[in-house]
mmCIF file of all heavy atoms, coordinates in Angstrom:
data_MODEL
# 
_entry.id   MODEL 
# 
loop_
_atom_site.group_PDB 
_atom_site.id 
_atom_site.type_symbol 
_atom_site.label_atom_id 
_atom_site.label_alt_id 
_atom_site.label_comp_id 
_atom_site.label_asym_id 
_atom_site.label_entity_id 
_atom_site.label_seq_id 
_atom_site.pdbx_PDB_ins_code 
_atom_site.Cartn_x 
_atom_site.Cartn_y 
_atom_site.Cartn_z 
_atom_site.occupancy 
_atom_site.B_iso_or_equiv 
_atom_site.pdbx_formal_charge 
_atom_site.auth_seq_id 
_atom_site.auth_comp_id 
_atom_site.auth_asym_id 
_atom_site.auth_atom_id 
_atom_site.pdbx_PDB_model_num 
ATOM 1   N N   . ALA A 1 1  ? -53.126 2.327  5.920   1.00 0.00 ? 1  ALA A N   1 
ATOM 2   C CA  . ALA A 1 1  ? -52.628 1.864  4.622   1.00 0.00 ? 1  ALA A CA  1 
ATOM 3   C C   . ALA A 1 1  ? -53.685 1.831  3.536   1.00 0.00 ? 1  ALA A C   1 
ATOM 4   O O   . ALA A 1 1  ? -53.377 1.588  2.375   1.00 0.00 ? 1  ALA A O   1 
ATOM 5   C CB  . ALA A 1 1  ? -52.024 0.462  4.781   1.00 0.00 ? 1  ALA A CB  1 
ATOM 6   N N   . THR A 1 2  ? -54.949 2.083  3.897   1.00 0.00 ? 2  THR A N   1 
ATOM 7   C CA  . THR A 1 2  ? -56.049 2.000  2.928   1.00 0.00 ? 2  THR A CA  1 
ATOM 8   C C   . THR A 1 2  ? -56.721 3.351  2.783   1.00 0.00 ? 2  THR A C   1 
ATOM 9   O O   . THR A 1 2  ? -57.097 3.975  3.787   1.00 0.00 ? 2  THR A O   1 
ATOM 10  C CB  . THR A 1 2  ? -57.088 0.962  3.376   1.00 0.00 ? 2  THR A CB  1 
ATOM 11  O OG1 . THR A 1 2  ? -56.454 -0.308 3.566   1.00 0.00 ? 2  THR A OG1 1 
ATOM 12  C CG2 . THR A 1 2  ? -58.191 0.827  2.337   1.00 0.00 ? 2  THR A CG2 1 
ATOM 13  N N   . ASN A 1 3  ? -56.881 3.794  1.558   1.00 0.00 ? 3  ASN A N   1 
ATOM 14  C CA  . ASN A 1 3  ? -57.558 5.067  1.311   1.00 0.00 ? 3  ASN A CA  1 
ATOM 15  C C   . ASN A 1 3  ? -59.067 4.873  1.361   1.00 0.00 ? 3  ASN A C   1 
ATOM 16  O O   . ASN A 1 3  ? -59.579 3.874  0.844   1.00 0.00 ? 3  ASN A O   1 
ATOM 17  C CB  . ASN A 1 3  ? -57.158 5.620  -0.059  1.00 0.00 ? 3  ASN A CB  1 
ATOM 18  C CG  . ASN A 1 3  ? -55.671 5.863  -0.172  1.00 0.00 ? 3  ASN A CG  1 
ATOM 19  O OD1 . ASN A 1 3  ? -55.012 6.213  0.802   1.00 0.00 ? 3  ASN A OD1 1 
ATOM 20  N ND2 . ASN A 1 3  ? -55.128 5.667  -1.370  1.00 0.00 ? 3  ASN A ND2 1 
ATOM 21  N N   . PRO A 1 4  ? -59.814 5.791  1.962   1.00 0.00 ? 4  PRO A N   1 
ATOM 22  C CA  . PRO A 1 4  ? -61.266 5.642  2.031   1.00 0.00 ? 4  PRO A CA  1 
ATOM 23  C C   . PRO A 1 4  ? -61.899 5.664  0.643   1.00 0.00 ? 4  PRO A C   1 
ATOM 24  O O   . PRO A 1 4  ? -61.580 6.526  -0.179  1.00 0.00 ? 4  PRO A O   1 
ATOM 25  C CB  . PRO A 1 4  ? -61.707 6.849  2.868   1.00 0.00 ? 4  PRO A CB  1 
ATOM 26  C CG  . PRO A 1 4  ? -60.601 7.840  2.710   1.00 0.00 ? 4  PRO A CG  1 
ATOM 27  C CD  . PRO A 1 4  ? -59.343 7.039  2.583   1.00 0.00 ? 4  PRO A CD  1 
ATOM 28  N N   . ALA A 1 5  ? -62.783 4.712  0.381   1.00 0.00 ? 5  ALA A N   1 
ATOM 29  C CA  . ALA A 1 5  ? -63.447 4.639  -0.929  1.00 0.00 ? 5  ALA A CA  1 
ATOM 30  C C   . ALA A 1 5  ? -64.455 5.762  -1.098  1.00 0.00 ? 5  ALA A C   1 
ATOM 31  O O   . ALA A 1 5  ? -64.731 6.207  -2.213  1.00 0.00 ? 5  ALA A O   1 
ATOM 32  C CB  . ALA A 1 5  ? -64.131 3.284  -1.088  1.00 0.00 ? 5  ALA A CB  1 
ATOM 33  N N   . SER A 1 6  ? -65.002 6.235  0.019   1.00 0.00 ? 6  SER A N   1 
ATOM 34  C CA  . SER A 1 6  ? -65.979 7.310  -0.012  1.00 0.00 ? 6  SER A CA  1 
ATOM 35  C C   . SER A 1 6  ? -65.966 7.984  1.350   1.00 0.00 ? 6  SER A C   1 
ATOM 36  O O   . SER A 1 6  ? -65.238 7.573  2.257   1.00 0.00 ? 6  SER A O   1 
ATOM 37  C CB  . SER A 1 6  ? -67.374 6.771  -0.338  1.00 0.00 ? 6  SER A CB  1 
ATOM 38  O OG  . SER A 1 6  ? -68.296 7.829  -0.501  1.00 0.00 ? 6  SER A OG  1 
ATOM 39  N N   . THR A 1 7  ? -66.750 9.029  1.512   1.00 0.00 ? 7  THR A N   1 
ATOM 40  C CA  . THR A 1 7  ? -66.877 9.715  2.796   1.00 0.00 ? 7  THR A CA  1 
ATOM 41  C C   . THR A 1 7  ? -68.350 9.986  3.063   1.00 0.00 ? 7  THR A C   1 
ATOM 42  O O   . THR A 1 7  ? -69.194 9.921  2.160   1.00 0.00 ? 7  THR A O   1 
ATOM 43  C CB  . THR A 1 7  ? -66.116 11.050 2.807   1.00 0.00 ? 7  THR A CB  1 
ATOM 44  O OG1 . THR A 1 7  ? -66.800 11.989 1.949   1.00 0.00 ? 7  THR A OG1 1 
ATOM 45  C CG2 . THR A 1 7  ? -64.676 10.882 2.341   1.00 0.00 ? 7  THR A CG2 1 
ATOM 46  N N   . ALA A 1 8  ? -68.653 10.329 4.301   1.00 0.00 ? 8  ALA A N   1 
ATOM 47  C CA  . ALA A 1 8  ? -70.038 10.657 4.650   1.00 0.00 ? 8  ALA A CA  1 
ATOM 48  C C   . ALA A 1 8  ? -70.529 11.860 3.850   1.00 0.00 ? 8  ALA A C   1 
ATOM 49  O O   . ALA A 1 8  ? -71.688 11.911 3.432   1.00 0.00 ? 8  ALA A O   1 
ATOM 50  C CB  . ALA A 1 8  ? -70.152 10.942 6.152   1.00 0.00 ? 8  ALA A CB  1 
ATOM 51  N N   . LEU A 1 9  ? -69.638 12.830 3.635   1.00 0.00 ? 9  LEU A N   1 
ATOM 52  C CA  . LEU A 1 9  ? -70.041 14.014 2.877   1.00 0.00 ? 9  LEU A CA  1 
ATOM 53  C C   . LEU A 1 9  ? -70.309 13.676 1.418   1.00 0.00 ? 9  LEU A C   1 
ATOM 54  O O   . LEU A 1 9  ? -71.273 14.150 0.819   1.00 0.00 ? 9  LEU A O   1 
ATOM 55  C CB  . LEU A 1 9  ? -68.963 15.091 2.985   1.00 0.00 ? 9  LEU A CB  1 
ATOM 56  C CG  . LEU A 1 9  ? -69.275 16.428 2.305   1.00 0.00 ? 9  LEU A CG  1 
ATOM 57  C CD1 . LEU A 1 9  ? -70.593 17.005 2.791   1.00 0.00 ? 9  LEU A CD1 1 
ATOM 58  C CD2 . LEU A 1 9  ? -68.138 17.417 2.540   1.00 0.00 ? 9  LEU A CD2 1 
ATOM 59  N N   . MET A 1 10 ? -69.469 12.826 0.826   1.00 0.00 ? 10 MET A N   1 
ATOM 60  C CA  . MET A 1 10 ? -69.707 12.386 -0.550  1.00 0.00 ? 10 MET A CA  1 
ATOM 61  C C   . MET A 1 10 ? -71.039 11.658 -0.659  1.00 0.00 ? 10 MET A C   1 
ATOM 62  O O   . MET A 1 10 ? -71.813 11.887 -1.596  1.00 0.00 ? 10 MET A O   1 
ATOM 63  C CB  . MET A 1 10 ? -68.580 11.456 -1.007  1.00 0.00 ? 10 MET A CB  1 
ATOM 64  C CG  . MET A 1 10 ? -67.240 12.118 -1.194  1.00 0.00 ? 10 MET A CG  1 
ATOM 65  S SD  . MET A 1 10 ? -65.960 10.906 -1.646  1.00 0.00 ? 10 MET A SD  1 
ATOM 66  C CE  . MET A 1 10 ? -64.483 11.922 -1.611  1.00 0.00 ? 10 MET A CE  1 
ATOM 67  N N   . ASP A 1 11 ? -71.298 10.771 0.289   1.00 0.00 ? 11 ASP A N   1 
ATOM 68  C CA  . ASP A 1 11 ? -72.544 10.010 0.277   1.00 0.00 ? 11 ASP A CA  1 
ATOM 69  C C   . ASP A 1 11 ? -73.749 10.929 0.448   1.00 0.00 ? 11 ASP A C   1 
ATOM 70  O O   . ASP A 1 11 ? -74.805 10.710 -0.175  1.00 0.00 ? 11 ASP A O   1 
ATOM 71  C CB  . ASP A 1 11 ? -72.533 8.955  1.384   1.00 0.00 ? 11 ASP A CB  1 
ATOM 72  C CG  . ASP A 1 11 ? -71.472 7.885  1.154   1.00 0.00 ? 11 ASP A CG  1 
ATOM 73  O OD1 . ASP A 1 11 ? -70.997 7.761  0.010   1.00 0.00 ? 11 ASP A OD1 1 
ATOM 74  O OD2 . ASP A 1 11 ? -71.106 7.185  2.128   1.00 0.00 ? 11 ASP A OD2 1 
ATOM 75  N N   . MET A 1 12 ? -73.592 11.956 1.289   1.00 0.00 ? 12 MET A N   1 
ATOM 76  C CA  . MET A 1 12 ? -74.693 12.887 1.501   1.00 0.00 ? 12 MET A CA  1 
ATOM 77  C C   . MET A 1 12 ? -74.990 13.678 0.232   1.00 0.00 ? 12 MET A C   1 
ATOM 78  O O   . MET A 1 12 ? -76.143 13.870 -0.151  1.00 0.00 ? 12 MET A O   1 
ATOM 79  C CB  . MET A 1 12 ? -74.362 13.843 2.646   1.00 0.00 ? 12 MET A CB  1 
ATOM 80  C CG  . MET A 1 12 ? -75.549 14.698 3.074   1.00 0.00 ? 12 MET A CG  1 
ATOM 81  S SD  . MET A 1 12 ? -75.111 15.920 4.334   1.00 0.00 ? 12 MET A SD  1 
ATOM 82  C CE  . MET A 1 12 ? -74.378 17.197 3.321   1.00 0.00 ? 12 MET A CE  1 
ATOM 83  N N   . ARG A 1 13 ? -73.932 14.137 -0.451  1.00 0.00 ? 13 ARG A N   1 
ATOM 84  C CA  . ARG A 1 13 ? -74.125 14.881 -1.698  1.00 0.00 ? 13 ARG A CA  1 
ATOM 85  C C   . ARG A 1 13 ? -74.804 13.991 -2.753  1.00 0.00 ? 13 ARG A C   1 
ATOM 86  O O   . ARG A 1 13 ? -75.682 14.452 -3.502  1.00 0.00 ? 13 ARG A O   1 
ATOM 87  C CB  . ARG A 1 13 ? -72.783 15.371 -2.230  1.00 0.00 ? 13 ARG A CB  1 
ATOM 88  C CG  . ARG A 1 13 ? -72.071 16.374 -1.330  1.00 0.00 ? 13 ARG A CG  1 
ATOM 89  C CD  . ARG A 1 13 ? -72.816 17.666 -1.264  1.00 0.00 ? 13 ARG A CD  1 
ATOM 90  N NE  . ARG A 1 13 ? -72.013 18.682 -0.583  1.00 0.00 ? 13 ARG A NE  1 
ATOM 91  C CZ  . ARG A 1 13 ? -72.422 19.415 0.435   1.00 0.00 ? 13 ARG A CZ  1 
ATOM 92  N NH1 . ARG A 1 13 ? -73.662 19.259 0.902   1.00 0.00 ? 13 ARG A NH1 1 
ATOM 93  N NH2 . ARG A 1 13 ? -71.641 20.312 0.999   1.00 0.00 ? 13 ARG A NH2 1 
ATOM 94  N N   . ALA A 1 14 ? -74.405 12.724 -2.821  1.00 0.00 ? 14 ALA A N   1 
ATOM 95  C CA  . ALA A 1 14 ? -74.999 11.799 -3.786  1.00 0.00 ? 14 ALA A CA  1 
ATOM 96  C C   . ALA A 1 14 ? -76.474 11.559 -3.473  1.00 0.00 ? 14 ALA A C   1 
ATOM 97  O O   . ALA A 1 14 ? -77.317 11.499 -4.382  1.00 0.00 ? 14 ALA A O   1 
ATOM 98  C CB  . ALA A 1 14 ? -74.242 10.482 -3.776  1.00 0.00 ? 14 ALA A CB  1 
ATOM 99  N N   . ALA A 1 15 ? -76.796 11.430 -2.170  1.00 0.00 ? 15 ALA A N   1 
ATOM 100 C CA  . ALA A 1 15 ? -78.188 11.211 -1.763  1.00 0.00 ? 15 ALA A CA  1 
ATOM 101 C C   . ALA A 1 15 ? -79.041 12.428 -2.089  1.00 0.00 ? 15 ALA A C   1 
ATOM 102 O O   . ALA A 1 15 ? -80.194 12.298 -2.536  1.00 0.00 ? 15 ALA A O   1 
ATOM 103 C CB  . ALA A 1 15 ? -78.246 10.901 -0.270  1.00 0.00 ? 15 ALA A CB  1 
ATOM 104 N N   . GLU A 1 16 ? -78.499 13.622 -1.877  1.00 0.00 ? 16 GLU A N   1 
ATOM 105 C CA  . GLU A 1 16 ? -79.220 14.851 -2.205  1.00 0.00 ? 16 GLU A CA  1 
ATOM 106 C C   . GLU A 1 16 ? -79.522 14.911 -3.706  1.00 0.00 ? 16 GLU A C   1 
ATOM 107 O O   . GLU A 1 16 ? -80.635 15.283 -4.109  1.00 0.00 ? 16 GLU A O   1 
ATOM 108 C CB  . GLU A 1 16 ? -78.389 16.069 -1.796  1.00 0.00 ? 16 GLU A CB  1 
ATOM 109 C CG  . GLU A 1 16 ? -78.255 16.255 -0.296  1.00 0.00 ? 16 GLU A CG  1 
ATOM 110 C CD  . GLU A 1 16 ? -77.268 17.352 0.069   1.00 0.00 ? 16 GLU A CD  1 
ATOM 111 O OE1 . GLU A 1 16 ? -76.494 17.787 -0.824  1.00 0.00 ? 16 GLU A OE1 1 
ATOM 112 O OE2 . GLU A 1 16 ? -77.258 17.770 1.236   1.00 0.00 ? 16 GLU A OE2 1 
ATOM 113 N N   . ALA A 1 17 ? -78.538 14.542 -4.506  1.00 0.00 ? 17 ALA A N   1 
ATOM 114 C CA  . ALA A 1 17 ? -78.723 14.564 -5.956  1.00 0.00 ? 17 ALA A CA  1 
ATOM 115 C C   . ALA A 1 17 ? -79.760 13.541 -6.394  1.00 0.00 ? 17 ALA A C   1 
ATOM 116 O O   . ALA A 1 17 ? -80.590 13.804 -7.270  1.00 0.00 ? 17 ALA A O   1 
ATOM 117 C CB  . ALA A 1 17 ? -77.383 14.300 -6.655  1.00 0.00 ? 17 ALA A CB  1 
ATOM 118 N N   . GLN A 1 18 ? -79.716 12.372 -5.768  1.00 0.00 ? 18 GLN A N   1 
ATOM 119 C CA  . GLN A 1 18 ? -80.669 11.310 -6.122  1.00 0.00 ? 18 GLN A CA  1 
ATOM 120 C C   . GLN A 1 18 ? -82.097 11.742 -5.823  1.00 0.00 ? 18 GLN A C   1 
ATOM 121 O O   . GLN A 1 18 ? -83.019 11.450 -6.596  1.00 0.00 ? 18 GLN A O   1 
ATOM 122 C CB  . GLN A 1 18 ? -80.325 10.035 -5.355  1.00 0.00 ? 18 GLN A CB  1 
ATOM 123 C CG  . GLN A 1 18 ? -81.176 8.840  -5.764  1.00 0.00 ? 18 GLN A CG  1 
ATOM 124 C CD  . GLN A 1 18 ? -80.735 7.569  -5.069  1.00 0.00 ? 18 GLN A CD  1 
ATOM 125 O OE1 . GLN A 1 18 ? -80.094 7.600  -4.021  1.00 0.00 ? 18 GLN A OE1 1 
ATOM 126 N NE2 . GLN A 1 18 ? -81.078 6.426  -5.640  1.00 0.00 ? 18 GLN A NE2 1 
ATOM 127 N N   . GLN A 1 19 ? -82.293 12.439 -4.725  1.00 0.00 ? 19 GLN A N   1 
ATOM 128 C CA  . GLN A 1 19 ? -83.622 12.934 -4.377  1.00 0.00 ? 19 GLN A CA  1 
ATOM 129 C C   . GLN A 1 19 ? -84.140 13.918 -5.420  1.00 0.00 ? 19 GLN A C   1 
ATOM 130 O O   . GLN A 1 19 ? -85.342 14.039 -5.631  1.00 0.00 ? 19 GLN A O   1 
ATOM 131 C CB  . GLN A 1 19 ? -83.590 13.596 -2.999  1.00 0.00 ? 19 GLN A CB  1 
ATOM 132 C CG  . GLN A 1 19 ? -83.408 12.614 -1.844  1.00 0.00 ? 19 GLN A CG  1 
ATOM 133 C CD  . GLN A 1 19 ? -83.359 13.307 -0.497  1.00 0.00 ? 19 GLN A CD  1 
ATOM 134 O OE1 . GLN A 1 19 ? -83.293 14.535 -0.420  1.00 0.00 ? 19 GLN A OE1 1 
ATOM 135 N NE2 . GLN A 1 19 ? -83.395 12.529 0.575   1.00 0.00 ? 19 GLN A NE2 1 
ATOM 136 N N   . GLU A 1 20 ? -83.220 14.620 -6.065  1.00 0.00 ? 20 GLU A N   1 
ATOM 137 C CA  . GLU A 1 20 ? -83.591 15.595 -7.087  1.00 0.00 ? 20 GLU A CA  1 
ATOM 138 C C   . GLU A 1 20 ? -83.623 14.974 -8.479  1.00 0.00 ? 20 GLU A C   1 
ATOM 139 O O   . GLU A 1 20 ? -83.849 15.666 -9.470  1.00 0.00 ? 20 GLU A O   1 
ATOM 140 C CB  . GLU A 1 20 ? -82.600 16.761 -7.072  1.00 0.00 ? 20 GLU A CB  1 
ATOM 141 C CG  . GLU A 1 20 ? -82.591 17.529 -5.758  1.00 0.00 ? 20 GLU A CG  1 
ATOM 142 C CD  . GLU A 1 20 ? -81.505 18.581 -5.712  1.00 0.00 ? 20 GLU A CD  1 
ATOM 143 O OE1 . GLU A 1 20 ? -80.798 18.741 -6.738  1.00 0.00 ? 20 GLU A OE1 1 
ATOM 144 O OE2 . GLU A 1 20 ? -81.351 19.238 -4.670  1.00 0.00 ? 20 GLU A OE2 1 
ATOM 145 N N   . GLY A 1 21 ? -83.362 13.662 -8.550  1.00 0.00 ? 21 GLY A N   1 
ATOM 146 C CA  . GLY A 1 21 ? -83.359 12.980 -9.827  1.00 0.00 ? 21 GLY A CA  1 
ATOM 147 C C   . GLY A 1 21 ? -82.151 13.289 -10.687 1.00 0.00 ? 21 GLY A C   1 
ATOM 148 O O   . GLY A 1 21 ? -82.212 13.216 -11.918 1.00 0.00 ? 21 GLY A O   1 
ATOM 149 N N   . ILE A 1 22 ? -81.054 13.627 -10.042 1.00 0.00 ? 22 ILE A N   1 
ATOM 150 C CA  . ILE A 1 22 ? -79.831 13.995 -10.756 1.00 0.00 ? 22 ILE A CA  1 
ATOM 151 C C   . ILE A 1 22 ? -78.777 12.907 -10.565 1.00 0.00 ? 22 ILE A C   1 
ATOM 152 O O   . ILE A 1 22 ? -78.632 12.350 -9.479  1.00 0.00 ? 22 ILE A O   1 
ATOM 153 C CB  . ILE A 1 22 ? -79.272 15.337 -10.230 1.00 0.00 ? 22 ILE A CB  1 
ATOM 154 C CG1 . ILE A 1 22 ? -80.309 16.448 -10.397 1.00 0.00 ? 22 ILE A CG1 1 
ATOM 155 C CG2 . ILE A 1 22 ? -77.964 15.686 -10.936 1.00 0.00 ? 22 ILE A CG2 1 
ATOM 156 C CD1 . ILE A 1 22 ? -79.914 17.745 -9.736  1.00 0.00 ? 22 ILE A CD1 1 
ATOM 157 N N   . ILE A 1 23 ? -78.054 12.606 -11.632 1.00 0.00 ? 23 ILE A N   1 
ATOM 158 C CA  . ILE A 1 23 ? -76.915 11.702 -11.521 1.00 0.00 ? 23 ILE A CA  1 
ATOM 159 C C   . ILE A 1 23 ? -75.706 12.550 -11.166 1.00 0.00 ? 23 ILE A C   1 
ATOM 160 O O   . ILE A 1 23 ? -75.220 13.336 -11.983 1.00 0.00 ? 23 ILE A O   1 
ATOM 161 C CB  . ILE A 1 23 ? -76.665 10.936 -12.833 1.00 0.00 ? 23 ILE A CB  1 
ATOM 162 C CG1 . ILE A 1 23 ? -77.885 10.068 -13.177 1.00 0.00 ? 23 ILE A CG1 1 
ATOM 163 C CG2 . ILE A 1 23 ? -75.414 10.069 -12.712 1.00 0.00 ? 23 ILE A CG2 1 
ATOM 164 C CD1 . ILE A 1 23 ? -77.748 9.347  -14.502 1.00 0.00 ? 23 ILE A CD1 1 
ATOM 165 N N   . LYS A 1 24 ? -75.231 12.410 -9.946  1.00 0.00 ? 24 LYS A N   1 
ATOM 166 C CA  . LYS A 1 24 ? -74.163 13.257 -9.442  1.00 0.00 ? 24 LYS A CA  1 
ATOM 167 C C   . LYS A 1 24 ? -72.808 12.772 -9.949  1.00 0.00 ? 24 LYS A C   1 
ATOM 168 O O   . LYS A 1 24 ? -72.446 11.618 -9.767  1.00 0.00 ? 24 LYS A O   1 
ATOM 169 C CB  . LYS A 1 24 ? -74.171 13.227 -7.906  1.00 0.00 ? 24 LYS A CB  1 
ATOM 170 C CG  . LYS A 1 24 ? -73.282 14.274 -7.244  1.00 0.00 ? 24 LYS A CG  1 
ATOM 171 C CD  . LYS A 1 24 ? -73.920 15.636 -7.290  1.00 0.00 ? 24 LYS A CD  1 
ATOM 172 C CE  . LYS A 1 24 ? -73.194 16.616 -6.398  1.00 0.00 ? 24 LYS A CE  1 
ATOM 173 N NZ  . LYS A 1 24 ? -73.815 17.949 -6.392  1.00 0.00 ? 24 LYS A NZ  1 
ATOM 174 N N   . ARG A 1 25 ? -72.070 13.666 -10.590 1.00 0.00 ? 25 ARG A N   1 
ATOM 175 C CA  . ARG A 1 25 ? -70.721 13.310 -11.016 1.00 0.00 ? 25 ARG A CA  1 
ATOM 176 C C   . ARG A 1 25 ? -69.803 13.290 -9.798  1.00 0.00 ? 25 ARG A C   1 
ATOM 177 O O   . ARG A 1 25 ? -70.050 13.974 -8.802  1.00 0.00 ? 25 ARG A O   1 
ATOM 178 C CB  . ARG A 1 25 ? -70.194 14.309 -12.032 1.00 0.00 ? 25 ARG A CB  1 
ATOM 179 C CG  . ARG A 1 25 ? -69.933 15.702 -11.448 1.00 0.00 ? 25 ARG A CG  1 
ATOM 180 C CD  . ARG A 1 25 ? -69.277 16.639 -12.435 1.00 0.00 ? 25 ARG A CD  1 
ATOM 181 N NE  . ARG A 1 25 ? -68.994 17.939 -11.842 1.00 0.00 ? 25 ARG A NE  1 
ATOM 182 C CZ  . ARG A 1 25 ? -68.284 18.894 -12.424 1.00 0.00 ? 25 ARG A CZ  1 
ATOM 183 N NH1 . ARG A 1 25 ? -67.800 18.682 -13.635 1.00 0.00 ? 25 ARG A NH1 1 
ATOM 184 N NH2 . ARG A 1 25 ? -68.063 20.046 -11.828 1.00 0.00 ? 25 ARG A NH2 1 
ATOM 185 N N   . ARG A 1 26 ? -68.753 12.507 -9.872  1.00 0.00 ? 26 ARG A N   1 
ATOM 186 C CA  . ARG A 1 26 ? -67.752 12.476 -8.816  1.00 0.00 ? 26 ARG A CA  1 
ATOM 187 C C   . ARG A 1 26 ? -66.382 12.434 -9.466  1.00 0.00 ? 26 ARG A C   1 
ATOM 188 O O   . ARG A 1 26 ? -66.001 11.447 -10.084 1.00 0.00 ? 26 ARG A O   1 
ATOM 189 C CB  . ARG A 1 26 ? -67.953 11.274 -7.897  1.00 0.00 ? 26 ARG A CB  1 
ATOM 190 C CG  . ARG A 1 26 ? -66.840 11.130 -6.850  1.00 0.00 ? 26 ARG A CG  1 
ATOM 191 C CD  . ARG A 1 26 ? -67.132 10.011 -5.887  1.00 0.00 ? 26 ARG A CD  1 
ATOM 192 N NE  . ARG A 1 26 ? -65.929 9.606  -5.177  1.00 0.00 ? 26 ARG A NE  1 
ATOM 193 C CZ  . ARG A 1 26 ? -65.882 8.612  -4.291  1.00 0.00 ? 26 ARG A CZ  1 
ATOM 194 N NH1 . ARG A 1 26 ? -66.979 7.927  -4.012  1.00 0.00 ? 26 ARG A NH1 1 
ATOM 195 N NH2 . ARG A 1 26 ? -64.754 8.298  -3.695  1.00 0.00 ? 26 ARG A NH2 1 
ATOM 196 N N   . ILE A 1 27 ? -65.656 13.529 -9.333  1.00 0.00 ? 27 ILE A N   1 
ATOM 197 C CA  . ILE A 1 27 ? -64.319 13.632 -9.913  1.00 0.00 ? 27 ILE A CA  1 
ATOM 198 C C   . ILE A 1 27 ? -63.308 13.630 -8.771  1.00 0.00 ? 27 ILE A C   1 
ATOM 199 O O   . ILE A 1 27 ? -63.279 14.556 -7.956  1.00 0.00 ? 27 ILE A O   1 
ATOM 200 C CB  . ILE A 1 27 ? -64.171 14.903 -10.757 1.00 0.00 ? 27 ILE A CB  1 
ATOM 201 C CG1 . ILE A 1 27 ? -65.248 14.951 -11.841 1.00 0.00 ? 27 ILE A CG1 1 
ATOM 202 C CG2 . ILE A 1 27 ? -62.780 14.984 -11.375 1.00 0.00 ? 27 ILE A CG2 1 
ATOM 203 C CD1 . ILE A 1 27 ? -65.306 16.255 -12.591 1.00 0.00 ? 27 ILE A CD1 1 
# 
């Protein structure tokens, strides 16, 4: 009944962007 707020893949993409100093958009 609950939709996932995030996923491991989303978190991984965000972490990769953070390492590069990029603010990752999420649409």
